């Protein structure tokens, strides 16, 4: 470490002003800035940093530190490579297409419900549901009709079919539901018995 006197520092010292400055200069810059006969001021502390300082810094590291630096570098490179591979795979991957019976049926229903002749920017409702409205007019006896009404009618038909068609593979709950349904539908038997089944039940209680 060397100290350098400059005329500016000497002038400040003459005025009674103390100053201290720390700087980092290259050897060539300092040699060019000093003329012959200049001295180093005590108030200016200069650190020389040559191109070999990086090599000396690496040589001063312990073997453990060097291994850690190499390991971190390799891990960072591996992480970058993995991210790049994932990005390439994501861009080139073809999205999966569902071709099952349910997917095809739902897709067909959606396409049939649309009306591509309508501009979606002008009337999105007609664009999305215009085809379904044309294919499903309001039935007689109904003030309104929609997709949920259609589903309700479909579910009622399925339940009626299950109750009226007994099979050997039905569960106990389904069998009881079928018996209850037949009892309610047999109006002739109901008129014959009238309140007799209810009275028998009350007497048992």
C-alpha atoms as a PDB file:
ATOM      1  CA  UNK A   1       0.000   0.000   0.000  1.00  0.00           C
ATOM      2  CA  UNK A   2       1.391   3.427  -1.009  1.00  0.00           C
ATOM      3  CA  UNK A   3       0.423   6.993  -0.215  1.00  0.00           C
ATOM      4  CA  UNK A   4       0.560   9.926  -2.647  1.00  0.00           C
ATOM      5  CA  UNK A   5       0.779  13.700  -2.021  1.00  0.00           C
ATOM      6  CA  UNK A   6      -1.018  15.894  -4.525  1.00  0.00           C
ATOM      7  CA  UNK A   7      -1.041  19.680  -4.827  1.00  0.00           C
ATOM      8  CA  UNK A   8      -4.762  19.764  -4.022  1.00  0.00           C
ATOM      9  CA  UNK A   9      -4.257  17.907  -0.742  1.00  0.00           C
ATOM     10  CA  UNK A  10      -1.392  20.236   0.148  1.00  0.00           C
ATOM     11  CA  UNK A  11      -3.593  23.270  -0.500  1.00  0.00           C
ATOM     12  CA  UNK A  12      -6.381  21.872   1.656  1.00  0.00           C
ATOM     13  CA  UNK A  13      -3.916  21.132   4.440  1.00  0.00           C
ATOM     14  CA  UNK A  14      -2.679  24.740   4.253  1.00  0.00           C
ATOM     15  CA  UNK A  15      -6.222  26.026   4.713  1.00  0.00           C
ATOM     16  CA  UNK A  16      -6.629  23.886   7.828  1.00  0.00           C
ATOM     17  CA  UNK A  17      -9.100  21.492   6.202  1.00  0.00           C
ATOM     18  CA  UNK A  18      -8.586  17.791   6.765  1.00  0.00           C
ATOM     19  CA  UNK A  19      -9.755  15.319   4.145  1.00  0.00           C
ATOM     20  CA  UNK A  20      -9.517  11.591   3.721  1.00  0.00           C
ATOM     21  CA  UNK A  21     -10.372   9.680   0.612  1.00  0.00           C
ATOM     22  CA  UNK A  22     -10.205   5.997  -0.272  1.00  0.00           C
ATOM     23  CA  UNK A  23     -10.006   5.003  -3.917  1.00  0.00           C
ATOM     24  CA  UNK A  24      -9.065   2.078  -6.077  1.00  0.00           C
ATOM     25  CA  UNK A  25      -6.831   2.877  -9.036  1.00  0.00           C
ATOM     26  CA  UNK A  26      -5.004   0.883 -11.630  1.00  0.00           C
ATOM     27  CA  UNK A  27      -1.222   1.082 -11.702  1.00  0.00           C
ATOM     28  CA  UNK A  28      -1.095   2.498 -15.250  1.00  0.00           C
ATOM     29  CA  UNK A  29      -3.674   5.230 -14.481  1.00  0.00           C
ATOM     30  CA  UNK A  30      -1.771   6.307 -11.391  1.00  0.00           C
ATOM     31  CA  UNK A  31       1.578   6.442 -13.195  1.00  0.00           C
ATOM     32  CA  UNK A  32       0.108   8.508 -16.031  1.00  0.00           C
ATOM     33  CA  UNK A  33      -1.581  10.935 -13.629  1.00  0.00           C
ATOM     34  CA  UNK A  34       1.616  11.672 -11.679  1.00  0.00           C
ATOM     35  CA  UNK A  35       4.368  13.826 -13.072  1.00  0.00           C
ATOM     36  CA  UNK A  36       7.996  13.580 -12.111  1.00  0.00           C
ATOM     37  CA  UNK A  37       8.630  14.935  -8.629  1.00  0.00           C
ATOM     38  CA  UNK A  38       5.058  14.501  -7.385  1.00  0.00           C
ATOM     39  CA  UNK A  39       4.707  12.975  -3.970  1.00  0.00           C
ATOM     40  CA  UNK A  40       1.908  10.893  -2.417  1.00  0.00           C
ATOM     41  CA  UNK A  41      -0.246  12.791   0.108  1.00  0.00           C
ATOM     42  CA  UNK A  42      -0.802  11.236   3.492  1.00  0.00           C
ATOM     43  CA  UNK A  43      -4.527  11.906   3.174  1.00  0.00           C
ATOM     44  CA  UNK A  44      -4.970   9.778   0.059  1.00  0.00           C
ATOM     45  CA  UNK A  45      -4.959   6.014   0.438  1.00  0.00           C
ATOM     46  CA  UNK A  46      -4.690   4.083  -2.814  1.00  0.00           C
ATOM     47  CA  UNK A  47      -5.157   0.357  -3.279  1.00  0.00           C
ATOM     48  CA  UNK A  48      -3.565  -1.232  -6.326  1.00  0.00           C
ATOM     49  CA  UNK A  49      -5.522  -3.958  -8.039  1.00  0.00           C
ATOM     50  CA  UNK A  50      -3.764  -5.718 -10.879  1.00  0.00           C
ATOM     51  CA  UNK A  51      -5.138  -8.230 -13.338  1.00  0.00           C
ATOM     52  CA  UNK A  52      -3.589 -11.001 -11.265  1.00  0.00           C
ATOM     53  CA  UNK A  53      -5.718 -10.240  -8.208  1.00  0.00           C
ATOM     54  CA  UNK A  54      -8.435 -12.658  -9.397  1.00  0.00           C
ATOM     55  CA  UNK A  55      -5.899 -15.443  -9.730  1.00  0.00           C
ATOM     56  CA  UNK A  56      -4.494 -14.726  -6.289  1.00  0.00           C
ATOM     57  CA  UNK A  57      -8.039 -14.665  -4.854  1.00  0.00           C
ATOM     58  CA  UNK A  58      -8.779 -18.097  -6.345  1.00  0.00           C
ATOM     59  CA  UNK A  59      -5.452 -19.475  -5.156  1.00  0.00           C
ATOM     60  CA  UNK A  60      -6.164 -18.200  -1.646  1.00  0.00           C
ATOM     61  CA  UNK A  61      -9.378 -20.244  -1.442  1.00  0.00           C
ATOM     62  CA  UNK A  62      -9.376 -23.538   0.381  1.00  0.00           C
ATOM     63  CA  UNK A  63     -10.043 -26.805  -1.413  1.00  0.00           C
ATOM     64  CA  UNK A  64     -13.481 -27.040   0.219  1.00  0.00           C
ATOM     65  CA  UNK A  65     -14.444 -23.580  -1.045  1.00  0.00           C
ATOM     66  CA  UNK A  66     -13.223 -24.416  -4.541  1.00  0.00           C
ATOM     67  CA  UNK A  67     -15.257 -27.620  -4.579  1.00  0.00           C
ATOM     68  CA  UNK A  68     -18.350 -25.755  -3.382  1.00  0.00           C
ATOM     69  CA  UNK A  69     -17.958 -23.148  -6.124  1.00  0.00           C
ATOM     70  CA  UNK A  70     -17.599 -25.862  -8.766  1.00  0.00           C
ATOM     71  CA  UNK A  71     -20.597 -27.750  -7.341  1.00  0.00           C
ATOM     72  CA  UNK A  72     -22.804 -24.639  -7.306  1.00  0.00           C
ATOM     73  CA  UNK A  73     -21.772 -23.844 -10.881  1.00  0.00           C
ATOM     74  CA  UNK A  74     -22.643 -27.358 -12.043  1.00  0.00           C
ATOM     75  CA  UNK A  75     -25.992 -27.268 -10.232  1.00  0.00           C
ATOM     76  CA  UNK A  76     -26.851 -23.890 -11.770  1.00  0.00           C
ATOM     77  CA  UNK A  77     -25.951 -25.176 -15.235  1.00  0.00           C
ATOM     78  CA  UNK A  78     -28.059 -28.301 -14.669  1.00  0.00           C
ATOM     79  CA  UNK A  79     -31.019 -26.202 -13.520  1.00  0.00           C
ATOM     80  CA  UNK A  80     -30.795 -23.972 -16.582  1.00  0.00           C
ATOM     81  CA  UNK A  81     -30.602 -27.044 -18.832  1.00  0.00           C
ATOM     82  CA  UNK A  82     -33.670 -28.605 -17.163  1.00  0.00           C
ATOM     83  CA  UNK A  83     -35.684 -25.396 -17.503  1.00  0.00           C
ATOM     84  CA  UNK A  84     -34.708 -25.097 -21.157  1.00  0.00           C
ATOM     85  CA  UNK A  85     -35.684 -28.728 -21.803  1.00  0.00           C
ATOM     86  CA  UNK A  86     -39.050 -28.248 -20.070  1.00  0.00           C
ATOM     87  CA  UNK A  87     -39.709 -25.104 -22.074  1.00  0.00           C
ATOM     88  CA  UNK A  88     -38.928 -26.859 -25.359  1.00  0.00           C
ATOM     89  CA  UNK A  89     -41.039 -29.875 -24.388  1.00  0.00           C
ATOM     90  CA  UNK A  90     -43.976 -27.644 -23.384  1.00  0.00           C
ATOM     91  CA  UNK A  91     -43.858 -25.754 -26.681  1.00  0.00           C
ATOM     92  CA  UNK A  92     -43.603 -28.870 -28.844  1.00  0.00           C
ATOM     93  CA  UNK A  93     -46.043 -31.028 -26.877  1.00  0.00           C
ATOM     94  CA  UNK A  94     -49.352 -31.755 -28.586  1.00  0.00           C
ATOM     95  CA  UNK A  95     -52.342 -31.186 -26.285  1.00  0.00           C
ATOM     96  CA  UNK A  96     -54.201 -34.417 -25.473  1.00  0.00           C
ATOM     97  CA  UNK A  97     -57.487 -34.999 -27.270  1.00  0.00           C
ATOM     98  CA  UNK A  98     -60.319 -36.876 -25.555  1.00  0.00           C
ATOM     99  CA  UNK A  99     -61.946 -39.342 -27.939  1.00  0.00           C
ATOM    100  CA  UNK A 100     -64.063 -41.318 -25.496  1.00  0.00           C
ATOM    101  CA  UNK A 101     -67.777 -41.786 -26.087  1.00  0.00           C
ATOM    102  CA  UNK A 102     -68.698 -39.255 -23.384  1.00  0.00           C
ATOM    103  CA  UNK A 103     -66.332 -36.599 -24.760  1.00  0.00           C
ATOM    104  CA  UNK A 104     -67.566 -37.062 -28.313  1.00  0.00           C
ATOM    105  CA  UNK A 105     -71.199 -36.915 -27.158  1.00  0.00           C
ATOM    106  CA  UNK A 106     -70.693 -33.725 -25.156  1.00  0.00           C
ATOM    107  CA  UNK A 107     -68.725 -32.106 -27.976  1.00  0.00           C
ATOM    108  CA  UNK A 108     -71.454 -32.961 -30.457  1.00  0.00           C
ATOM    109  CA  UNK A 109     -74.108 -31.535 -28.129  1.00  0.00           C
ATOM    110  CA  UNK A 110     -72.186 -28.282 -27.733  1.00  0.00           C
ATOM    111  CA  UNK A 111     -71.662 -27.907 -31.472  1.00  0.00           C
ATOM    112  CA  UNK A 112     -75.329 -28.620 -32.176  1.00  0.00           C
ATOM    113  CA  UNK A 113     -76.388 -26.028 -29.597  1.00  0.00           C
ATOM    114  CA  UNK A 114     -74.412 -23.277 -31.338  1.00  0.00           C
ATOM    115  CA  UNK A 115     -75.560 -21.101 -34.202  1.00  0.00           C
ATOM    116  CA  UNK A 116     -72.444 -20.223 -36.231  1.00  0.00           C
ATOM    117  CA  UNK A 117     -74.443 -17.903 -38.496  1.00  0.00           C
ATOM    118  CA  UNK A 118     -74.707 -15.325 -35.673  1.00  0.00           C
ATOM    119  CA  UNK A 119     -71.890 -12.894 -34.950  1.00  0.00           C
ATOM    120  CA  UNK A 120     -70.764 -13.583 -31.336  1.00  0.00           C
ATOM    121  CA  UNK A 121     -69.687  -9.956 -30.923  1.00  0.00           C
ATOM    122  CA  UNK A 122     -73.239  -8.812 -31.645  1.00  0.00           C
ATOM    123  CA  UNK A 123     -75.332 -11.507 -29.898  1.00  0.00           C
ATOM    124  CA  UNK A 124     -73.292 -14.064 -27.968  1.00  0.00           C
ATOM    125  CA  UNK A 125     -76.365 -15.762 -26.458  1.00  0.00           C
ATOM    126  CA  UNK A 126     -77.827 -16.555 -29.869  1.00  0.00           C
ATOM    127  CA  UNK A 127     -74.394 -17.648 -31.066  1.00  0.00           C
ATOM    128  CA  UNK A 128     -73.966 -20.082 -28.147  1.00  0.00           C
ATOM    129  CA  UNK A 129     -77.579 -21.305 -27.765  1.00  0.00           C
ATOM    130  CA  UNK A 130     -79.329 -20.477 -31.023  1.00  0.00           C
ATOM    131  CA  UNK A 131     -79.041 -24.003 -32.414  1.00  0.00           C
ATOM    132  CA  UNK A 132     -80.534 -25.559 -29.282  1.00  0.00           C
ATOM    133  CA  UNK A 133     -83.442 -23.084 -29.228  1.00  0.00           C
ATOM    134  CA  UNK A 134     -84.313 -23.918 -32.839  1.00  0.00           C
ATOM    135  CA  UNK A 135     -84.140 -27.681 -32.204  1.00  0.00           C
ATOM    136  CA  UNK A 136     -86.085 -27.575 -28.905  1.00  0.00           C
ATOM    137  CA  UNK A 137     -89.238 -25.440 -29.113  1.00  0.00           C
ATOM    138  CA  UNK A 138     -91.354 -24.957 -25.996  1.00  0.00           C
ATOM    139  CA  UNK A 139     -93.618 -28.053 -25.580  1.00  0.00           C
ATOM    140  CA  UNK A 140     -97.373 -27.749 -25.118  1.00  0.00           C
ATOM    141  CA  UNK A 141     -98.400 -27.135 -21.532  1.00  0.00           C
ATOM    142  CA  UNK A 142     -95.130 -25.408 -20.588  1.00  0.00           C
ATOM    143  CA  UNK A 143     -94.615 -21.689 -20.235  1.00  0.00           C
ATOM    144  CA  UNK A 144     -90.862 -22.031 -20.649  1.00  0.00           C
ATOM    145  CA  UNK A 145     -88.335 -24.640 -21.661  1.00  0.00           C
ATOM    146  CA  UNK A 146     -84.598 -24.926 -21.204  1.00  0.00           C
ATOM    147  CA  UNK A 147     -81.734 -27.363 -20.949  1.00  0.00           C
ATOM    148  CA  UNK A 148     -82.505 -28.148 -17.296  1.00  0.00           C
ATOM    149  CA  UNK A 149     -86.149 -28.842 -18.143  1.00  0.00           C
ATOM    150  CA  UNK A 150     -84.996 -31.216 -20.839  1.00  0.00           C
ATOM    151  CA  UNK A 151     -82.663 -32.981 -18.401  1.00  0.00           C
ATOM    152  CA  UNK A 152     -85.467 -33.267 -15.848  1.00  0.00           C
ATOM    153  CA  UNK A 153     -87.753 -34.910 -18.401  1.00  0.00           C
ATOM    154  CA  UNK A 154     -84.973 -37.299 -19.390  1.00  0.00           C
ATOM    155  CA  UNK A 155     -84.274 -38.248 -15.763  1.00  0.00           C
ATOM    156  CA  UNK A 156     -87.964 -38.861 -15.114  1.00  0.00           C
ATOM    157  CA  UNK A 157     -88.117 -41.225 -18.082  1.00  0.00           C
ATOM    158  CA  UNK A 158     -85.055 -43.136 -16.852  1.00  0.00           C
ATOM    159  CA  UNK A 159     -86.475 -43.478 -13.312  1.00  0.00           C
ATOM    160  CA  UNK A 160     -89.838 -44.671 -14.638  1.00  0.00           C
ATOM    161  CA  UNK A 161     -88.132 -47.297 -16.752  1.00  0.00           C
ATOM    162  CA  UNK A 162     -86.161 -48.586 -13.743  1.00  0.00           C
ATOM    163  CA  UNK A 163     -89.271 -48.758 -11.536  1.00  0.00           C
ATOM    164  CA  UNK A 164     -91.475 -50.495 -14.081  1.00  0.00           C
ATOM    165  CA  UNK A 165     -88.941 -53.078 -15.253  1.00  0.00           C
ATOM    166  CA  UNK A 166     -87.870 -55.412 -12.464  1.00  0.00           C
ATOM    167  CA  UNK A 167     -84.662 -57.362 -12.888  1.00  0.00           C
ATOM    168  CA  UNK A 168     -82.993 -60.019 -10.761  1.00  0.00           C
ATOM    169  CA  UNK A 169     -79.882 -57.897 -10.207  1.00  0.00           C
ATOM    170  CA  UNK A 170     -81.594 -54.977  -8.451  1.00  0.00           C
ATOM    171  CA  UNK A 171     -80.603 -54.033  -4.918  1.00  0.00           C
ATOM    172  CA  UNK A 172     -82.884 -54.176  -1.883  1.00  0.00           C
ATOM    173  CA  UNK A 173     -83.474 -50.423  -2.027  1.00  0.00           C
ATOM    174  CA  UNK A 174     -84.442 -50.610  -5.702  1.00  0.00           C
ATOM    175  CA  UNK A 175     -86.799 -53.550  -5.010  1.00  0.00           C
ATOM    176  CA  UNK A 176     -88.586 -51.610  -2.245  1.00  0.00           C
ATOM    177  CA  UNK A 177     -88.882 -48.581  -4.514  1.00  0.00           C
ATOM    178  CA  UNK A 178     -90.467 -50.757  -7.207  1.00  0.00           C
ATOM    179  CA  UNK A 179     -92.986 -52.231  -4.716  1.00  0.00           C
ATOM    180  CA  UNK A 180     -93.897 -48.753  -3.493  1.00  0.00           C
ATOM    181  CA  UNK A 181     -94.276 -47.498  -7.065  1.00  0.00           C
ATOM    182  CA  UNK A 182     -96.552 -50.396  -8.074  1.00  0.00           C
ATOM    183  CA  UNK A 183     -98.687 -49.914  -4.948  1.00  0.00           C
ATOM    184  CA  UNK A 184     -99.228 -46.280  -5.827  1.00  0.00           C
ATOM    185  CA  UNK A 185    -100.008 -47.034  -9.470  1.00  0.00           C
ATOM    186  CA  UNK A 186    -102.593 -49.785  -8.722  1.00  0.00           C
ATOM    187  CA  UNK A 187    -105.560 -47.463  -8.312  1.00  0.00           C
ATOM    188  CA  UNK A 188    -108.117 -50.288  -8.462  1.00  0.00           C
ATOM    189  CA  UNK A 189    -106.589 -52.025  -5.466  1.00  0.00           C
ATOM    190  CA  UNK A 190    -106.380 -48.730  -3.613  1.00  0.00           C
ATOM    191  CA  UNK A 191    -110.124 -48.158  -4.070  1.00  0.00           C
ATOM    192  CA  UNK A 192    -110.886 -51.666  -2.802  1.00  0.00           C
ATOM    193  CA  UNK A 193    -108.815 -51.458   0.350  1.00  0.00           C
ATOM    194  CA  UNK A 194    -109.427 -47.781   1.076  1.00  0.00           C
ATOM    195  CA  UNK A 195    -108.171 -47.031   4.618  1.00  0.00           C
ATOM    196  CA  UNK A 196    -107.814 -50.660   5.730  1.00  0.00           C
ATOM    197  CA  UNK A 197    -103.996 -50.883   5.398  1.00  0.00           C
ATOM    198  CA  UNK A 198    -103.605 -47.634   7.341  1.00  0.00           C
ATOM    199  CA  UNK A 199    -105.938 -48.777  10.122  1.00  0.00           C
ATOM    200  CA  UNK A 200    -104.027 -52.061  10.454  1.00  0.00           C
ATOM    201  CA  UNK A 201    -100.787 -50.147  10.760  1.00  0.00           C
ATOM    202  CA  UNK A 202    -102.267 -47.873  13.460  1.00  0.00           C
ATOM    203  CA  UNK A 203    -103.498 -50.882  15.457  1.00  0.00           C
ATOM    204  CA  UNK A 204    -100.012 -52.440  15.346  1.00  0.00           C
ATOM    205  CA  UNK A 205     -98.469 -49.252  16.671  1.00  0.00           C
END
